Amino acid sequence: MRVGRCGPLFESIPRWLSLAILPLALLLAAGLPQAAFAQKTANSPRKVLTWVKPAYPSLLKNMHIEGQVRLTAVVLPNGSVAAVQVRGGNPILVENAVKAVKTWKYAPAPTQTEEDVVLDFGK
């Protein structure tokens, strides 16, 4: 099978793999800004007290599938995460990012807040 005009180096790449890498390629082409792991927006006074690093499957790591996942966490007054909304990022990495953020614990606050979170995989 021949994929594009890249020559023999890429001929052996299975179609499913080339389709799986496509979202990452589109994100990289968009030139998204780089961010630190678990970076929050500056306008948020709430601090993350306990956080779990998202799982980064070795298959994805070995294939150098990297990228950012942008989320918004709805945090209850007691600091627990009630819900997580995906704002963007590599769809292959989203599931692990959401699972991790749902386990985070924030500092208590008088009201429910929404916290923006950016997670980097492989940077």
C-alpha atoms as a PDB file:
ATOM      1  CA  MET A   1       0.000   0.000   0.000  1.00  0.00           C
ATOM      2  CA  ARG A   2       1.368   3.415  -0.900  1.00  0.00           C
ATOM      3  CA  VAL A   3       0.544   6.390   1.305  1.00  0.00           C
ATOM      4  CA  GLY A   4       0.937   9.750  -0.416  1.00  0.00           C
ATOM      5  CA  ARG A   5       4.134  10.657  -2.257  1.00  0.00           C
ATOM      6  CA  CYS A   6       6.475  10.123   0.693  1.00  0.00           C
ATOM      7  CA  GLY A   7       8.303   7.206  -0.838  1.00  0.00           C
ATOM      8  CA  PRO A   8       9.117   3.723   0.446  1.00  0.00           C
ATOM      9  CA  LEU A   9       9.713   4.833   4.049  1.00  0.00           C
ATOM     10  CA  PHE A  10       5.982   5.322   4.642  1.00  0.00           C
ATOM     11  CA  GLU A  11       4.599   2.574   2.423  1.00  0.00           C
ATOM     12  CA  SER A  12       4.350   0.072   5.278  1.00  0.00           C
ATOM     13  CA  ILE A  13       2.260   2.305   7.588  1.00  0.00           C
ATOM     14  CA  PRO A  14      -1.192   0.751   8.036  1.00  0.00           C
ATOM     15  CA  ARG A  15      -4.146   2.915   7.051  1.00  0.00           C
ATOM     16  CA  TRP A  16      -5.651   2.792  10.574  1.00  0.00           C
ATOM     17  CA  LEU A  17      -2.432   4.199  12.003  1.00  0.00           C
ATOM     18  CA  SER A  18      -2.216   7.020   9.494  1.00  0.00           C
ATOM     19  CA  LEU A  19      -5.832   7.932  10.322  1.00  0.00           C
ATOM     20  CA  ALA A  20      -5.090   7.818  14.059  1.00  0.00           C
ATOM     21  CA  ILE A  21      -2.174  10.219  13.658  1.00  0.00           C
ATOM     22  CA  LEU A  22      -4.149  12.681  11.533  1.00  0.00           C
ATOM     23  CA  PRO A  23      -5.684  14.641  14.467  1.00  0.00           C
ATOM     24  CA  LEU A  24      -2.236  15.169  15.973  1.00  0.00           C
ATOM     25  CA  ALA A  25      -0.860  16.357  12.672  1.00  0.00           C
ATOM     26  CA  LEU A  26      -3.705  18.859  12.346  1.00  0.00           C
ATOM     27  CA  LEU A  27      -3.067  20.178  15.853  1.00  0.00           C
ATOM     28  CA  LEU A  28       0.631  20.595  15.193  1.00  0.00           C
ATOM     29  CA  ALA A  29      -0.112  22.351  11.926  1.00  0.00           C
ATOM     30  CA  ALA A  30      -2.380  24.779  13.769  1.00  0.00           C
ATOM     31  CA  GLY A  31       0.595  25.951  15.797  1.00  0.00           C
ATOM     32  CA  LEU A  32      -1.009  25.688  19.225  1.00  0.00           C
ATOM     33  CA  PRO A  33       0.926  27.493  21.977  1.00  0.00           C
ATOM     34  CA  GLN A  34       3.002  25.336  24.268  1.00  0.00           C
ATOM     35  CA  ALA A  35       1.894  25.160  27.912  1.00  0.00           C
ATOM     36  CA  ALA A  36       3.182  23.628  31.106  1.00  0.00           C
ATOM     37  CA  PHE A  37       1.663  20.398  32.359  1.00  0.00           C
ATOM     38  CA  ALA A  38      -1.517  21.085  34.328  1.00  0.00           C
ATOM     39  CA  GLN A  39      -1.362  24.817  33.782  1.00  0.00           C
ATOM     40  CA  LYS A  40      -4.333  26.822  35.034  1.00  0.00           C
ATOM     41  CA  THR A  41      -5.465  30.209  33.801  1.00  0.00           C
ATOM     42  CA  ALA A  42      -4.070  33.190  35.668  1.00  0.00           C
ATOM     43  CA  ASN A  43      -7.493  34.594  36.611  1.00  0.00           C
ATOM     44  CA  SER A  44      -8.383  31.625  38.830  1.00  0.00           C
ATOM     45  CA  PRO A  45      -7.763  31.942  42.564  1.00  0.00           C
ATOM     46  CA  ARG A  46      -8.294  28.216  43.238  1.00  0.00           C
ATOM     47  CA  LYS A  47      -5.301  26.039  43.737  1.00  0.00           C
ATOM     48  CA  VAL A  48      -4.999  22.345  42.909  1.00  0.00           C
ATOM     49  CA  LEU A  49      -4.285  20.539  46.189  1.00  0.00           C
ATOM     50  CA  THR A  50      -4.171  16.966  44.879  1.00  0.00           C
ATOM     51  CA  TRP A  51      -3.688  16.002  41.274  1.00  0.00           C
ATOM     52  CA  VAL A  52      -3.073  12.789  39.401  1.00  0.00           C
ATOM     53  CA  LYS A  53      -0.920  12.781  36.309  1.00  0.00           C
ATOM     54  CA  PRO A  54      -2.909  11.350  33.382  1.00  0.00           C
ATOM     55  CA  ALA A  55      -1.924   7.934  32.052  1.00  0.00           C
ATOM     56  CA  TYR A  56       0.181   8.136  28.915  1.00  0.00           C
ATOM     57  CA  PRO A  57      -0.066   4.695  27.253  1.00  0.00           C
ATOM     58  CA  SER A  58       3.305   3.303  26.227  1.00  0.00           C
ATOM     59  CA  LEU A  59       1.998   2.539  22.729  1.00  0.00           C
ATOM     60  CA  LEU A  60       1.220   6.222  22.156  1.00  0.00           C
ATOM     61  CA  LYS A  61       4.512   7.269  23.753  1.00  0.00           C
ATOM     62  CA  ASN A  62       6.496   4.854  21.564  1.00  0.00           C
ATOM     63  CA  MET A  63       4.688   6.147  18.473  1.00  0.00           C
ATOM     64  CA  HIS A  64       5.532   9.731  19.556  1.00  0.00           C
ATOM     65  CA  ILE A  65       1.870  10.705  19.640  1.00  0.00           C
ATOM     66  CA  GLU A  66       2.015  13.895  21.669  1.00  0.00           C
ATOM     67  CA  GLY A  67      -0.109  16.943  22.165  1.00  0.00           C
ATOM     68  CA  GLN A  68      -2.191  19.068  24.438  1.00  0.00           C
ATOM     69  CA  VAL A  69      -5.638  18.520  25.846  1.00  0.00           C
ATOM     70  CA  ARG A  70      -7.617  21.579  26.971  1.00  0.00           C
ATOM     71  CA  LEU A  71     -10.352  21.025  29.550  1.00  0.00           C
ATOM     72  CA  THR A  72     -12.688  22.986  31.794  1.00  0.00           C
ATOM     73  CA  ALA A  73     -13.316  21.463  35.213  1.00  0.00           C
ATOM     74  CA  VAL A  74     -16.480  22.368  37.131  1.00  0.00           C
ATOM     75  CA  VAL A  75     -15.294  22.468  40.748  1.00  0.00           C
ATOM     76  CA  LEU A  76     -17.720  22.333  43.685  1.00  0.00           C
ATOM     77  CA  PRO A  77     -17.267  24.564  46.755  1.00  0.00           C
ATOM     78  CA  ASN A  78     -15.700  21.646  48.665  1.00  0.00           C
ATOM     79  CA  GLY A  79     -12.976  21.336  45.985  1.00  0.00           C
ATOM     80  CA  SER A  80     -14.084  18.148  44.256  1.00  0.00           C
ATOM     81  CA  VAL A  81     -14.490  18.064  40.489  1.00  0.00           C
ATOM     82  CA  ALA A  82     -18.146  17.640  39.504  1.00  0.00           C
ATOM     83  CA  ALA A  83     -17.700  17.571  35.722  1.00  0.00           C
ATOM     84  CA  VAL A  84     -15.094  17.973  33.027  1.00  0.00           C
ATOM     85  CA  GLN A  85     -15.742  19.480  29.606  1.00  0.00           C
ATOM     86  CA  VAL A  86     -13.357  18.983  26.688  1.00  0.00           C
ATOM     87  CA  ARG A  87     -12.388  22.261  25.005  1.00  0.00           C
ATOM     88  CA  GLY A  88      -9.954  20.836  22.499  1.00  0.00           C
ATOM     89  CA  GLY A  89      -6.869  18.821  21.895  1.00  0.00           C
ATOM     90  CA  ASN A  90      -5.757  15.496  20.572  1.00  0.00           C
ATOM     91  CA  PRO A  91      -8.784  13.166  20.601  1.00  0.00           C
ATOM     92  CA  ILE A  92      -6.576  10.124  21.189  1.00  0.00           C
ATOM     93  CA  LEU A  93      -5.402  11.588  24.521  1.00  0.00           C
ATOM     94  CA  VAL A  94      -8.679  13.123  25.761  1.00  0.00           C
ATOM     95  CA  GLU A  95     -10.038  10.080  27.610  1.00  0.00           C
ATOM     96  CA  ASN A  96      -7.012   9.724  29.894  1.00  0.00           C
ATOM     97  CA  ALA A  97      -6.896  13.465  30.554  1.00  0.00           C
ATOM     98  CA  VAL A  98     -10.572  13.589  31.596  1.00  0.00           C
ATOM     99  CA  LYS A  99     -10.188  10.542  33.874  1.00  0.00           C
ATOM    100  CA  ALA A 100      -7.262  12.157  35.663  1.00  0.00           C
ATOM    101  CA  VAL A 101      -8.834  15.603  36.148  1.00  0.00           C
ATOM    102  CA  LYS A 102     -12.001  14.058  37.604  1.00  0.00           C
ATOM    103  CA  THR A 103      -9.866  12.776  40.493  1.00  0.00           C
ATOM    104  CA  TRP A 104      -8.241  16.150  41.271  1.00  0.00           C
ATOM    105  CA  LYS A 105      -8.986  18.033  44.485  1.00  0.00           C
ATOM    106  CA  TYR A 106      -9.002  21.837  44.576  1.00  0.00           C
ATOM    107  CA  ALA A 107      -8.832  24.244  47.500  1.00  0.00           C
ATOM    108  CA  PRO A 108     -12.268  24.988  49.026  1.00  0.00           C
ATOM    109  CA  ALA A 109     -14.090  28.133  47.888  1.00  0.00           C
ATOM    110  CA  PRO A 110     -17.392  29.836  48.717  1.00  0.00           C
ATOM    111  CA  THR A 111     -18.922  29.024  45.317  1.00  0.00           C
ATOM    112  CA  GLN A 112     -18.687  26.593  42.418  1.00  0.00           C
ATOM    113  CA  THR A 113     -16.090  27.622  39.825  1.00  0.00           C
ATOM    114  CA  GLU A 114     -14.895  26.602  36.386  1.00  0.00           C
ATOM    115  CA  GLU A 115     -11.181  25.974  36.065  1.00  0.00           C
ATOM    116  CA  ASP A 116      -9.337  25.826  32.760  1.00  0.00           C
ATOM    117  CA  VAL A 117      -6.738  23.071  32.553  1.00  0.00           C
ATOM    118  CA  VAL A 118      -4.155  22.384  29.849  1.00  0.00           C
ATOM    119  CA  LEU A 119      -2.385  19.026  29.891  1.00  0.00           C
ATOM    120  CA  ASP A 120       0.680  18.261  27.783  1.00  0.00           C
ATOM    121  CA  PHE A 121       1.431  14.705  26.786  1.00  0.00           C
ATOM    122  CA  GLY A 122       4.969  13.906  25.748  1.00  0.00           C
ATOM    123  CA  LYS A 123       6.525  17.340  26.086  1.00  0.00           C
END
